[in-house]
PDB file of all heavy atoms in Angstrom:
ATOM      1  N   GLY A   1     121.575  98.455  99.093  1.00  0.00           N
ATOM      2  CA  GLY A   1     122.028  98.952 100.388  1.00  0.00           C
ATOM      3  C   GLY A   1     122.577  97.817 101.231  1.00  0.00           C
ATOM      4  O   GLY A   1     122.699  96.670 100.784  1.00  0.00           O
ATOM      5  N   ARG A   2     122.925  98.133 102.464  1.00  0.00           N
ATOM      6  CA  ARG A   2     123.440  97.115 103.377  1.00  0.00           C
ATOM      7  C   ARG A   2     122.334  96.118 103.718  1.00  0.00           C
ATOM      8  O   ARG A   2     121.164  96.478 103.833  1.00  0.00           O
ATOM      9  CB  ARG A   2     123.981  97.768 104.654  1.00  0.00           C
ATOM     10  CG  ARG A   2     125.244  98.585 104.423  1.00  0.00           C
ATOM     11  CD  ARG A   2     125.833  99.089 105.723  1.00  0.00           C
ATOM     12  NE  ARG A   2     126.126  97.998 106.667  1.00  0.00           N
ATOM     13  CZ  ARG A   2     126.888  98.147 107.751  1.00  0.00           C
ATOM     14  NH1 ARG A   2     127.436  99.336 108.015  1.00  0.00           N
ATOM     15  NH2 ARG A   2     127.106  97.142 108.572  1.00  0.00           N
ATOM     16  N   ARG A   3     122.726  94.877 103.923  1.00  0.00           N
ATOM     17  CA  ARG A   3     121.746  93.815 104.169  1.00  0.00           C
ATOM     18  C   ARG A   3     121.924  93.173 105.543  1.00  0.00           C
ATOM     19  O   ARG A   3     121.360  92.108 105.788  1.00  0.00           O
ATOM     20  CB  ARG A   3     121.847  92.757 103.075  1.00  0.00           C
ATOM     21  CG  ARG A   3     121.553  93.331 101.690  1.00  0.00           C
ATOM     22  CD  ARG A   3     121.211  92.275 100.687  1.00  0.00           C
ATOM     23  NE  ARG A   3     120.747  92.897  99.445  1.00  0.00           N
ATOM     24  CZ  ARG A   3     119.854  92.388  98.617  1.00  0.00           C
ATOM     25  NH1 ARG A   3     119.293  91.231  98.910  1.00  0.00           N
ATOM     26  NH2 ARG A   3     119.503  93.002  97.515  1.00  0.00           N
ATOM     27  N   ASP A   4     122.661  93.816 106.409  1.00  0.00           N
ATOM     28  CA  ASP A   4     122.964  93.184 107.693  1.00  0.00           C
ATOM     29  C   ASP A   4     122.375  93.910 108.895  1.00  0.00           C
ATOM     30  O   ASP A   4     122.549  93.448 110.027  1.00  0.00           O
ATOM     31  CB  ASP A   4     124.479  93.072 107.868  1.00  0.00           C
ATOM     32  CG  ASP A   4     125.182  94.426 107.801  1.00  0.00           C
ATOM     33  OD1 ASP A   4     124.627  95.368 107.182  1.00  0.00           O
ATOM     34  OD2 ASP A   4     126.277  94.562 108.363  1.00  0.00           O
ATOM     35  N   ARG A   5     121.675  95.048 108.679  1.00  0.00           N
ATOM     36  CA  ARG A   5     121.252  95.828 109.840  1.00  0.00           C
ATOM     37  C   ARG A   5     119.749  96.105 109.897  1.00  0.00           C
ATOM     38  O   ARG A   5     119.253  96.504 110.950  1.00  0.00           O
ATOM     39  CB  ARG A   5     121.996  97.163 109.880  1.00  0.00           C
ATOM     40  CG  ARG A   5     123.506  97.036 109.958  1.00  0.00           C
ATOM     41  CD  ARG A   5     124.156  98.363 110.277  1.00  0.00           C
ATOM     42  NE  ARG A   5     123.868  99.397 109.289  1.00  0.00           N
ATOM     43  CZ  ARG A   5     124.404 100.628 109.319  1.00  0.00           C
ATOM     44  NH1 ARG A   5     125.235 100.959 110.300  1.00  0.00           N
ATOM     45  NH2 ARG A   5     124.110 101.510 108.378  1.00  0.00           N
ATOM     46  N   LEU A   6     119.045  95.939 108.789  1.00  0.00           N
ATOM     47  CA  LEU A   6     117.623  96.273 108.791  1.00  0.00           C
ATOM     48  C   LEU A   6     116.839  95.330 109.695  1.00  0.00           C
ATOM     49  O   LEU A   6     117.267  94.206 109.968  1.00  0.00           O
ATOM     50  CB  LEU A   6     117.051  96.200 107.371  1.00  0.00           C
ATOM     51  CG  LEU A   6     117.390  97.335 106.412  1.00  0.00           C
ATOM     52  CD1 LEU A   6     116.646  97.118 105.103  1.00  0.00           C
ATOM     53  CD2 LEU A   6     117.044  98.692 106.992  1.00  0.00           C
ATOM     54  N   ASP A   7     115.671  95.797 110.130  1.00  0.00           N
ATOM     55  CA  ASP A   7     114.749  94.962 110.883  1.00  0.00           C
ATOM     56  C   ASP A   7     114.531  93.651 110.116  1.00  0.00           C
ATOM     57  O   ASP A   7     114.303  93.664 108.894  1.00  0.00           O
ATOM     58  CB  ASP A   7     113.419  95.704 111.043  1.00  0.00           C
ATOM     59  CG  ASP A   7     112.343  94.854 111.673  1.00  0.00           C
ATOM     60  OD1 ASP A   7     112.326  94.759 112.898  1.00  0.00           O
ATOM     61  OD2 ASP A   7     111.532  94.285 110.914  1.00  0.00           O
ATOM     62  N   PRO A   8     114.616  92.506 110.781  1.00  0.00           N
ATOM     63  CA  PRO A   8     114.507  91.219 110.078  1.00  0.00           C
ATOM     64  C   PRO A   8     113.237  91.077 109.250  1.00  0.00           C
ATOM     65  O   PRO A   8     113.259  90.485 108.168  1.00  0.00           O
ATOM     66  CB  PRO A   8     114.559  90.195 111.215  1.00  0.00           C
ATOM     67  CG  PRO A   8     115.295  90.879 112.313  1.00  0.00           C
ATOM     68  CD  PRO A   8     114.919  92.323 112.215  1.00  0.00           C
ATOM     69  N   SER A   9     112.128  91.604 109.751  1.00  0.00           N
ATOM     70  CA  SER A   9     110.878  91.484 109.008  1.00  0.00           C
ATOM     71  C   SER A   9     110.951  92.247 107.696  1.00  0.00           C
ATOM     72  O   SER A   9     110.548  91.736 106.635  1.00  0.00           O
ATOM     73  CB  SER A   9     109.716  91.994 109.862  1.00  0.00           C
ATOM     74  OG  SER A   9     108.499  91.913 109.151  1.00  0.00           O
ATOM     75  N   LEU A  10     111.487  93.476 107.745  1.00  0.00           N
ATOM     76  CA  LEU A  10     111.619  94.266 106.525  1.00  0.00           C
ATOM     77  C   LEU A  10     112.637  93.631 105.587  1.00  0.00           C
ATOM     78  O   LEU A  10     112.401  93.537 104.371  1.00  0.00           O
ATOM     79  CB  LEU A  10     112.029  95.698 106.868  1.00  0.00           C
ATOM     80  CG  LEU A  10     112.333  96.617 105.675  1.00  0.00           C
ATOM     81  CD1 LEU A  10     111.141  96.694 104.732  1.00  0.00           C
ATOM     82  CD2 LEU A  10     112.724  98.011 106.162  1.00  0.00           C
ATOM     83  N   ALA A  11     113.778  93.189 106.131  1.00  0.00           N
ATOM     84  CA  ALA A  11     114.808  92.581 105.293  1.00  0.00           C
ATOM     85  C   ALA A  11     114.274  91.339 104.591  1.00  0.00           C
ATOM     86  O   ALA A  11     114.520  91.119 103.396  1.00  0.00           O
ATOM     87  CB  ALA A  11     116.033  92.233 106.143  1.00  0.00           C
ATOM     88  N   SER A  12     113.520  90.531 105.327  1.00  0.00           N
ATOM     89  CA  SER A  12     112.953  89.321 104.742  1.00  0.00           C
ATOM     90  C   SER A  12     111.950  89.657 103.647  1.00  0.00           C
ATOM     91  O   SER A  12     111.947  89.038 102.573  1.00  0.00           O
ATOM     92  CB  SER A  12     112.280  88.487 105.835  1.00  0.00           C
ATOM     93  OG  SER A  12     111.607  87.376 105.292  1.00  0.00           O
ATOM     94  N   THR A  13     111.109  90.656 103.901  1.00  0.00           N
ATOM     95  CA  THR A  13     110.104  91.044 102.912  1.00  0.00           C
ATOM     96  C   THR A  13     110.762  91.581 101.648  1.00  0.00           C
ATOM     97  O   THR A  13     110.361  91.234 100.529  1.00  0.00           O
ATOM     98  CB  THR A  13     109.156  92.101 103.503  1.00  0.00           C
ATOM     99  OG1 THR A  13     108.519  91.569 104.668  1.00  0.00           O
ATOM    100  CG2 THR A  13     108.094  92.510 102.496  1.00  0.00           C
ATOM    101  N   LEU A  14     111.782  92.428 101.813  1.00  0.00           N
ATOM    102  CA  LEU A  14     112.505  92.949 100.655  1.00  0.00           C
ATOM    103  C   LEU A  14     113.112  91.809  99.836  1.00  0.00           C
ATOM    104  O   LEU A  14     113.015  91.795  98.600  1.00  0.00           O
ATOM    105  CB  LEU A  14     113.608  93.909 101.107  1.00  0.00           C
ATOM    106  CG  LEU A  14     113.181  95.348 101.416  1.00  0.00           C
ATOM    107  CD1 LEU A  14     114.282  96.082 102.178  1.00  0.00           C
ATOM    108  CD2 LEU A  14     112.849  96.090 100.128  1.00  0.00           C
ATOM    109  N   ALA A  15     113.732  90.853 100.521  1.00  0.00           N
ATOM    110  CA  ALA A  15     114.363  89.745  99.818  1.00  0.00           C
ATOM    111  C   ALA A  15     113.338  88.888  99.081  1.00  0.00           C
ATOM    112  O   ALA A  15     113.569  88.454  97.941  1.00  0.00           O
ATOM    113  CB  ALA A  15     115.161  88.898 100.803  1.00  0.00           C
ATOM    114  N   ILE A  16     112.186  88.634  99.718  1.00  0.00           N
ATOM    115  CA  ILE A  16     111.147  87.807  99.096  1.00  0.00           C
ATOM    116  C   ILE A  16     110.591  88.504  97.856  1.00  0.00           C
ATOM    117  O   ILE A  16     110.444  87.876  96.785  1.00  0.00           O
ATOM    118  CB  ILE A  16     110.025  87.513 100.108  1.00  0.00           C
ATOM    119  CG1 ILE A  16     110.534  86.558 101.195  1.00  0.00           C
ATOM    120  CG2 ILE A  16     108.805  86.938  99.405  1.00  0.00           C
ATOM    121  CD1 ILE A  16     109.580  86.392 102.358  1.00  0.00           C
ATOM    122  N   VAL A  17     110.262  89.794  97.977  1.00  0.00           N
ATOM    123  CA  VAL A  17     109.692  90.523  96.840  1.00  0.00           C
ATOM    124  C   VAL A  17     110.736  90.646  95.728  1.00  0.00           C
ATOM    125  O   VAL A  17     110.410  90.550  94.537  1.00  0.00           O
ATOM    126  CB  VAL A  17     109.176  91.906  97.287  1.00  0.00           C
ATOM    127  CG1 VAL A  17     108.689  92.710  96.089  1.00  0.00           C
ATOM    128  CG2 VAL A  17     108.047  91.750  98.301  1.00  0.00           C
ATOM    129  N   GLU A  18     111.984  90.858  96.107  1.00  0.00           N
ATOM    130  CA  GLU A  18     113.054  90.940  95.119  1.00  0.00           C
ATOM    131  C   GLU A  18     113.141  89.639  94.322  1.00  0.00           C
ATOM    132  O   GLU A  18     113.235  89.643  93.086  1.00  0.00           O
ATOM    133  CB  GLU A  18     114.377  91.225  95.825  1.00  0.00           C
ATOM    134  CG  GLU A  18     115.557  91.443  94.889  1.00  0.00           C
ATOM    135  CD  GLU A  18     116.819  91.786  95.665  1.00  0.00           C
ATOM    136  OE1 GLU A  18     117.105  91.117  96.677  1.00  0.00           O
ATOM    137  OE2 GLU A  18     117.517  92.734  95.250  1.00  0.00           O
ATOM    138  N   ASN A  19     113.089  88.525  95.012  1.00  0.00           N
ATOM    139  CA  ASN A  19     113.164  87.228  94.339  1.00  0.00           C
ATOM    140  C   ASN A  19     111.908  86.955  93.502  1.00  0.00           C
ATOM    141  O   ASN A  19     111.994  86.468  92.368  1.00  0.00           O
ATOM    142  CB  ASN A  19     113.341  86.119  95.376  1.00  0.00           C
ATOM    143  CG  ASN A  19     113.454  84.747  94.752  1.00  0.00           C
ATOM    144  OD1 ASN A  19     114.420  84.450  94.053  1.00  0.00           O
ATOM    145  ND2 ASN A  19     112.472  83.898  95.000  1.00  0.00           N
ATOM    146  N   MET A  20     110.743  87.304  94.055  1.00  0.00           N
ATOM    147  CA  MET A  20     109.480  87.036  93.375  1.00  0.00           C
ATOM    148  C   MET A  20     109.379  87.791  92.054  1.00  0.00           C
ATOM    149  O   MET A  20     108.783  87.304  91.088  1.00  0.00           O
ATOM    150  CB  MET A  20     108.316  87.434  94.294  1.00  0.00           C
ATOM    151  CG  MET A  20     106.937  87.181  93.711  1.00  0.00           C
ATOM    152  SD  MET A  20     105.627  87.637  94.870  1.00  0.00           S
ATOM    153  CE  MET A  20     105.655  89.416  94.695  1.00  0.00           C
ATOM    154  N   THR A  21     109.948  88.984  91.981  1.00  0.00           N
ATOM    155  CA  THR A  21     109.793  89.848  90.800  1.00  0.00           C
ATOM    156  C   THR A  21     111.026  89.854  89.908  1.00  0.00           C
ATOM    157  O   THR A  21     111.109  90.675  88.988  1.00  0.00           O
ATOM    158  CB  THR A  21     109.476  91.285  91.238  1.00  0.00           C
ATOM    159  OG1 THR A  21     110.590  91.808  92.003  1.00  0.00           O
ATOM    160  CG2 THR A  21     108.221  91.347  92.100  1.00  0.00           C
ATOM    161  N   SER A  22     111.962  88.987  90.151  1.00  0.00           N
ATOM    162  CA  SER A  22     113.281  89.082  89.498  1.00  0.00           C
ATOM    163  C   SER A  22     113.229  88.945  87.983  1.00  0.00           C
ATOM    164  O   SER A  22     114.133  89.409  87.291  1.00  0.00           O
ATOM    165  CB  SER A  22     114.222  88.024  90.079  1.00  0.00           C
ATOM    166  OG  SER A  22     113.708  86.712  89.838  1.00  0.00           O
ATOM    167  N   ARG A  23     112.192  88.315  87.438  1.00  0.00           N
ATOM    168  CA  ARG A  23     112.114  88.118  85.989  1.00  0.00           C
ATOM    169  C   ARG A  23     111.292  89.193  85.281  1.00  0.00           C
ATOM    170  O   ARG A  23     111.134  89.141  84.053  1.00  0.00           O
ATOM    171  CB  ARG A  23     111.527  86.733  85.685  1.00  0.00           C
ATOM    172  CG  ARG A  23     112.408  85.583  86.157  1.00  0.00           C
ATOM    173  CD  ARG A  23     111.779  84.237  85.802  1.00  0.00           C
ATOM    174  NE  ARG A  23     112.601  83.135  86.262  1.00  0.00           N
ATOM    175  CZ  ARG A  23     113.619  82.602  85.586  1.00  0.00           C
ATOM    176  NH1 ARG A  23     113.921  83.096  84.388  1.00  0.00           N
ATOM    177  NH2 ARG A  23     114.314  81.603  86.073  1.00  0.00           N
ATOM    178  N   ASN A  24     110.773  90.143  86.016  1.00  0.00           N
ATOM    179  CA  ASN A  24     109.939  91.183  85.406  1.00  0.00           C
ATOM    180  C   ASN A  24     110.795  92.207  84.663  1.00  0.00           C
ATOM    181  O   ASN A  24     111.948  92.459  85.034  1.00  0.00           O
ATOM    182  CB  ASN A  24     109.089  91.875  86.467  1.00  0.00           C
ATOM    183  CG  ASN A  24     108.058  90.939  87.070  1.00  0.00           C
ATOM    184  OD1 ASN A  24     107.717  89.916  86.486  1.00  0.00           O
ATOM    185  ND2 ASN A  24     107.549  91.283  88.253  1.00  0.00           N
ATOM    186  N   THR A  25     110.195  92.832  83.644  1.00  0.00           N
ATOM    187  CA  THR A  25     110.981  93.718  82.771  1.00  0.00           C
ATOM    188  C   THR A  25     110.321  95.055  82.451  1.00  0.00           C
ATOM    189  O   THR A  25     110.932  95.899  81.810  1.00  0.00           O
ATOM    190  CB  THR A  25     111.271  93.005  81.442  1.00  0.00           C
ATOM    191  OG1 THR A  25     110.031  92.634  80.812  1.00  0.00           O
ATOM    192  CG2 THR A  25     112.118  91.748  81.650  1.00  0.00           C
ATOM    193  N   THR A  26     109.063  95.263  82.883  1.00  0.00           N
ATOM    194  CA  THR A  26     108.382  96.510  82.499  1.00  0.00           C
ATOM    195  C   THR A  26     109.015  97.730  83.162  1.00  0.00           C
ATOM    196  O   THR A  26     109.250  98.760  82.518  1.00  0.00           O
ATOM    197  CB  THR A  26     106.888  96.437  82.877  1.00  0.00           C
ATOM    198  OG1 THR A  26     106.302  95.310  82.249  1.00  0.00           O
ATOM    199  CG2 THR A  26     106.164  97.700  82.432  1.00  0.00           C
ATOM    200  N   LEU A  27     109.294  97.635  84.444  1.00  0.00           N
ATOM    201  CA  LEU A  27     109.905  98.723  85.209  1.00  0.00           C
ATOM    202  C   LEU A  27     110.754  98.109  86.308  1.00  0.00           C
ATOM    203  O   LEU A  27     110.312  97.161  86.974  1.00  0.00           O
ATOM    204  CB  LEU A  27     108.817  99.617  85.832  1.00  0.00           C
ATOM    205  CG  LEU A  27     109.259 100.599  86.932  1.00  0.00           C
ATOM    206  CD1 LEU A  27     110.146 101.693  86.353  1.00  0.00           C
ATOM    207  CD2 LEU A  27     108.059 101.208  87.640  1.00  0.00           C
ATOM    208  N   THR A  28     111.950  98.637  86.499  1.00  0.00           N
ATOM    209  CA  THR A  28     112.791  98.212  87.615  1.00  0.00           C
ATOM    210  C   THR A  28     112.712  99.263  88.717  1.00  0.00           C
ATOM    211  O   THR A  28     113.015 100.434  88.481  1.00  0.00           O
ATOM    212  CB  THR A  28     114.257  98.025  87.182  1.00  0.00           C
ATOM    213  OG1 THR A  28     114.310  96.981  86.201  1.00  0.00           O
ATOM    214  CG2 THR A  28     115.127  97.634  88.364  1.00  0.00           C
TER     215      THR A  28
END
């Protein structure tokens, strides 16, 4: 989705979790 309008706290959390789990393969 768009990455320029969400609440900064939510956007930051999404980005952190996305990066933290980027190598996982069981379920996307």
